[in-house]
Amino acid sequence: MAIDGSKFKALNSKKRNFNQQKLKKKIKEIEEKIEDYFKDLEENDVKELSCSPRGAGQPFEYILTVVPLLGLQRS
């Protein structure tokens, strides 16, 4: 089909065709993946805090005490 010299091609394959039911299913799948991702992030954060050597549970305070010491070692 040509309109004003522009060419348009209609594609309606199963991969490109969406209806309400398919959209709802796809949105649900994406939301589940996001929830799994956040769950994994939270689990890894807990593991990181429990496995860190010094300063476990207080990473910010640990950094504040270590950074000045590192600066002194360079001098």
N, C-alpha and C. Protein backbone atom coordinates (compact mmCIF):
# COMPACT_ATOMS: atom_id res chain seq x y z
N MET A 1 0.84 -1.16 0.00
CA MET A 1 0.00 0.00 0.00
C MET A 1 0.90 1.24 0.00
N ALA A 2 0.57 2.21 -0.79
CA ALA A 2 1.34 3.45 -0.86
C ALA A 2 0.41 4.63 -0.62
N ILE A 3 0.86 5.50 0.29
CA ILE A 3 0.11 6.71 0.59
C ILE A 3 1.09 7.88 0.45
N ASP A 4 0.83 8.77 -0.43
CA ASP A 4 1.70 9.94 -0.66
C ASP A 4 3.15 9.54 -0.91
N GLY A 5 3.36 8.44 -1.58
CA GLY A 5 4.71 8.01 -1.88
C GLY A 5 5.36 7.22 -0.74
N SER A 6 4.73 7.16 0.41
CA SER A 6 5.26 6.38 1.53
C SER A 6 4.77 4.96 1.41
N LYS A 7 5.63 4.02 1.75
CA LYS A 7 5.25 2.61 1.67
C LYS A 7 5.07 2.05 3.09
N PHE A 8 3.95 1.41 3.30
CA PHE A 8 3.65 0.79 4.57
C PHE A 8 3.41 -0.68 4.34
N LYS A 9 3.90 -1.48 5.26
CA LYS A 9 3.72 -2.91 5.14
C LYS A 9 3.00 -3.40 6.39
N ALA A 10 1.93 -4.11 6.23
CA ALA A 10 1.17 -4.62 7.37
C ALA A 10 1.74 -5.96 7.80
N LEU A 11 2.04 -6.05 9.09
CA LEU A 11 2.54 -7.30 9.66
C LEU A 11 1.63 -7.69 10.81
N ASN A 12 1.20 -8.92 10.82
CA ASN A 12 0.33 -9.38 11.89
C ASN A 12 0.67 -10.82 12.24
N SER A 13 1.93 -11.05 12.56
CA SER A 13 2.34 -12.39 12.94
C SER A 13 1.93 -12.67 14.38
N LYS A 14 2.04 -13.90 14.82
CA LYS A 14 1.65 -14.25 16.18
C LYS A 14 2.51 -13.52 17.21
N LYS A 15 3.77 -13.26 16.89
CA LYS A 15 4.67 -12.57 17.81
C LYS A 15 4.32 -11.09 17.94
N ARG A 16 3.78 -10.50 16.90
CA ARG A 16 3.49 -9.06 16.90
C ARG A 16 2.03 -8.74 17.18
N ASN A 17 1.21 -9.74 17.28
CA ASN A 17 -0.22 -9.53 17.49
C ASN A 17 -0.52 -9.60 18.98
N PHE A 18 -1.12 -8.55 19.53
CA PHE A 18 -1.47 -8.51 20.95
C PHE A 18 -2.95 -8.20 21.10
N ASN A 19 -3.57 -8.86 22.07
CA ASN A 19 -4.94 -8.55 22.45
C ASN A 19 -4.96 -8.38 23.97
N GLN A 20 -6.12 -8.10 24.53
CA GLN A 20 -6.22 -7.83 25.97
C GLN A 20 -5.69 -9.00 26.79
N GLN A 21 -6.07 -10.20 26.41
CA GLN A 21 -5.67 -11.39 27.17
C GLN A 21 -4.15 -11.58 27.12
N LYS A 22 -3.56 -11.44 25.95
CA LYS A 22 -2.12 -11.59 25.81
C LYS A 22 -1.36 -10.50 26.58
N LEU A 23 -1.89 -9.28 26.54
CA LEU A 23 -1.24 -8.19 27.26
C LEU A 23 -1.29 -8.42 28.77
N LYS A 24 -2.43 -8.85 29.29
CA LYS A 24 -2.54 -9.13 30.71
C LYS A 24 -1.57 -10.23 31.13
N LYS A 25 -1.46 -11.27 30.32
CA LYS A 25 -0.55 -12.37 30.62
C LYS A 25 0.90 -11.89 30.60
N LYS A 26 1.24 -11.10 29.62
CA LYS A 26 2.61 -10.59 29.50
C LYS A 26 2.95 -9.66 30.67
N ILE A 27 2.03 -8.79 31.04
CA ILE A 27 2.25 -7.87 32.17
C ILE A 27 2.43 -8.66 33.46
N LYS A 28 1.63 -9.71 33.65
CA LYS A 28 1.75 -10.55 34.84
C LYS A 28 3.12 -11.22 34.88
N GLU A 29 3.58 -11.75 33.75
CA GLU A 29 4.90 -12.38 33.69
C GLU A 29 6.02 -11.39 34.02
N ILE A 30 5.92 -10.20 33.50
CA ILE A 30 6.93 -9.17 33.76
C ILE A 30 6.94 -8.78 35.23
N GLU A 31 5.76 -8.61 35.81
CA GLU A 31 5.67 -8.26 37.23
C GLU A 31 6.26 -9.36 38.11
N GLU A 32 6.03 -10.63 37.74
CA GLU A 32 6.61 -11.74 38.50
C GLU A 32 8.13 -11.74 38.40
N LYS A 33 8.66 -11.44 37.22
CA LYS A 33 10.11 -11.37 37.05
C LYS A 33 10.70 -10.24 37.89
N ILE A 34 10.01 -9.11 37.95
CA ILE A 34 10.48 -7.98 38.74
C ILE A 34 10.47 -8.34 40.23
N GLU A 35 9.42 -9.00 40.68
CA GLU A 35 9.33 -9.43 42.09
C GLU A 35 10.46 -10.40 42.42
N ASP A 36 10.73 -11.35 41.53
CA ASP A 36 11.83 -12.29 41.75
C ASP A 36 13.17 -11.56 41.81
N TYR A 37 13.33 -10.58 40.95
CA TYR A 37 14.57 -9.81 40.93
C TYR A 37 14.77 -9.06 42.24
N PHE A 38 13.72 -8.39 42.73
CA PHE A 38 13.82 -7.66 44.00
C PHE A 38 14.07 -8.61 45.16
N LYS A 39 13.45 -9.79 45.12
CA LYS A 39 13.66 -10.79 46.16
C LYS A 39 15.12 -11.24 46.17
N ASP A 40 15.67 -11.49 45.00
CA ASP A 40 17.08 -11.88 44.90
C ASP A 40 18.00 -10.77 45.40
N LEU A 41 17.68 -9.52 45.06
CA LEU A 41 18.49 -8.40 45.54
C LEU A 41 18.47 -8.33 47.07
N GLU A 42 17.30 -8.50 47.65
CA GLU A 42 17.18 -8.44 49.10
C GLU A 42 17.97 -9.57 49.76
N GLU A 43 17.86 -10.77 49.21
CA GLU A 43 18.60 -11.91 49.76
C GLU A 43 20.11 -11.68 49.68
N ASN A 44 20.57 -11.14 48.56
CA ASN A 44 22.00 -10.88 48.41
C ASN A 44 22.47 -9.78 49.37
N ASP A 45 21.63 -8.78 49.61
CA ASP A 45 21.99 -7.73 50.57
C ASP A 45 22.17 -8.32 51.97
N VAL A 46 21.25 -9.21 52.35
CA VAL A 46 21.34 -9.83 53.67
C VAL A 46 22.61 -10.70 53.76
N LYS A 47 22.90 -11.45 52.71
CA LYS A 47 24.11 -12.29 52.70
C LYS A 47 25.36 -11.43 52.78
N GLU A 48 25.38 -10.33 52.05
CA GLU A 48 26.54 -9.43 52.06
C GLU A 48 26.79 -8.90 53.46
N LEU A 49 25.76 -8.44 54.13
CA LEU A 49 25.92 -7.88 55.47
C LEU A 49 26.36 -8.94 56.47
N SER A 50 25.85 -10.16 56.32
CA SER A 50 26.20 -11.19 57.29
C SER A 50 27.59 -11.77 57.03
N CYS A 51 28.09 -11.66 55.80
CA CYS A 51 29.39 -12.24 55.46
C CYS A 51 30.53 -11.23 55.51
N SER A 52 30.22 -9.95 55.60
CA SER A 52 31.29 -8.97 55.59
C SER A 52 32.09 -9.09 56.88
N PRO A 53 33.41 -8.92 56.79
CA PRO A 53 34.26 -9.14 57.97
C PRO A 53 33.95 -8.17 59.10
N ARG A 54 34.60 -7.09 59.16
CA ARG A 54 34.34 -6.11 60.21
C ARG A 54 33.23 -5.18 59.77
N GLY A 55 32.51 -4.66 60.72
CA GLY A 55 31.49 -3.68 60.38
C GLY A 55 30.21 -4.28 59.86
N ALA A 56 29.99 -5.57 60.12
CA ALA A 56 28.76 -6.20 59.65
C ALA A 56 27.57 -5.53 60.32
N GLY A 57 26.63 -5.13 59.52
CA GLY A 57 25.45 -4.46 60.03
C GLY A 57 25.63 -2.95 60.15
N GLN A 58 26.87 -2.48 60.07
CA GLN A 58 27.15 -1.05 60.17
C GLN A 58 28.18 -0.66 59.11
N PRO A 59 27.89 -0.89 57.85
CA PRO A 59 28.89 -0.64 56.81
C PRO A 59 29.31 0.82 56.70
N PHE A 60 28.39 1.75 56.91
CA PHE A 60 28.72 3.15 56.76
C PHE A 60 29.71 3.59 57.83
N GLU A 61 29.46 3.18 59.07
CA GLU A 61 30.36 3.54 60.16
C GLU A 61 31.74 2.93 59.94
N TYR A 62 31.75 1.70 59.44
CA TYR A 62 33.01 1.02 59.17
C TYR A 62 33.82 1.79 58.12
N ILE A 63 33.16 2.25 57.08
CA ILE A 63 33.85 3.02 56.03
C ILE A 63 34.40 4.32 56.60
N LEU A 64 33.62 4.97 57.45
CA LEU A 64 34.09 6.23 58.03
C LEU A 64 35.34 6.04 58.89
N THR A 65 35.49 4.89 59.52
CA THR A 65 36.68 4.65 60.33
C THR A 65 37.86 4.18 59.50
N VAL A 66 37.62 3.46 58.42
CA VAL A 66 38.71 2.89 57.62
C VAL A 66 39.30 3.90 56.64
N VAL A 67 38.50 4.73 56.04
CA VAL A 67 38.98 5.65 55.02
C VAL A 67 40.07 6.58 55.55
N PRO A 68 39.91 7.20 56.71
CA PRO A 68 41.00 8.04 57.22
C PRO A 68 42.28 7.25 57.47
N LEU A 69 42.14 5.99 57.91
CA LEU A 69 43.32 5.16 58.15
C LEU A 69 44.06 4.87 56.85
N LEU A 70 43.32 4.65 55.79
CA LEU A 70 43.96 4.42 54.51
C LEU A 70 44.70 5.64 54.02
N GLY A 71 44.16 6.81 54.28
CA GLY A 71 44.81 8.05 53.92
C GLY A 71 46.11 8.23 54.68
N LEU A 72 46.15 7.81 55.93
CA LEU A 72 47.36 7.92 56.74
C LEU A 72 48.44 6.97 56.24
N GLN A 73 48.06 5.82 55.73
CA GLN A 73 49.04 4.85 55.24
C GLN A 73 49.73 5.35 53.99
N ARG A 74 49.10 6.16 53.20
CA ARG A 74 49.71 6.69 51.97
C ARG A 74 50.76 7.73 52.29
N SER A 75 50.62 8.45 53.37
CA SER A 75 51.53 9.54 53.70
C SER A 75 52.90 9.03 54.07
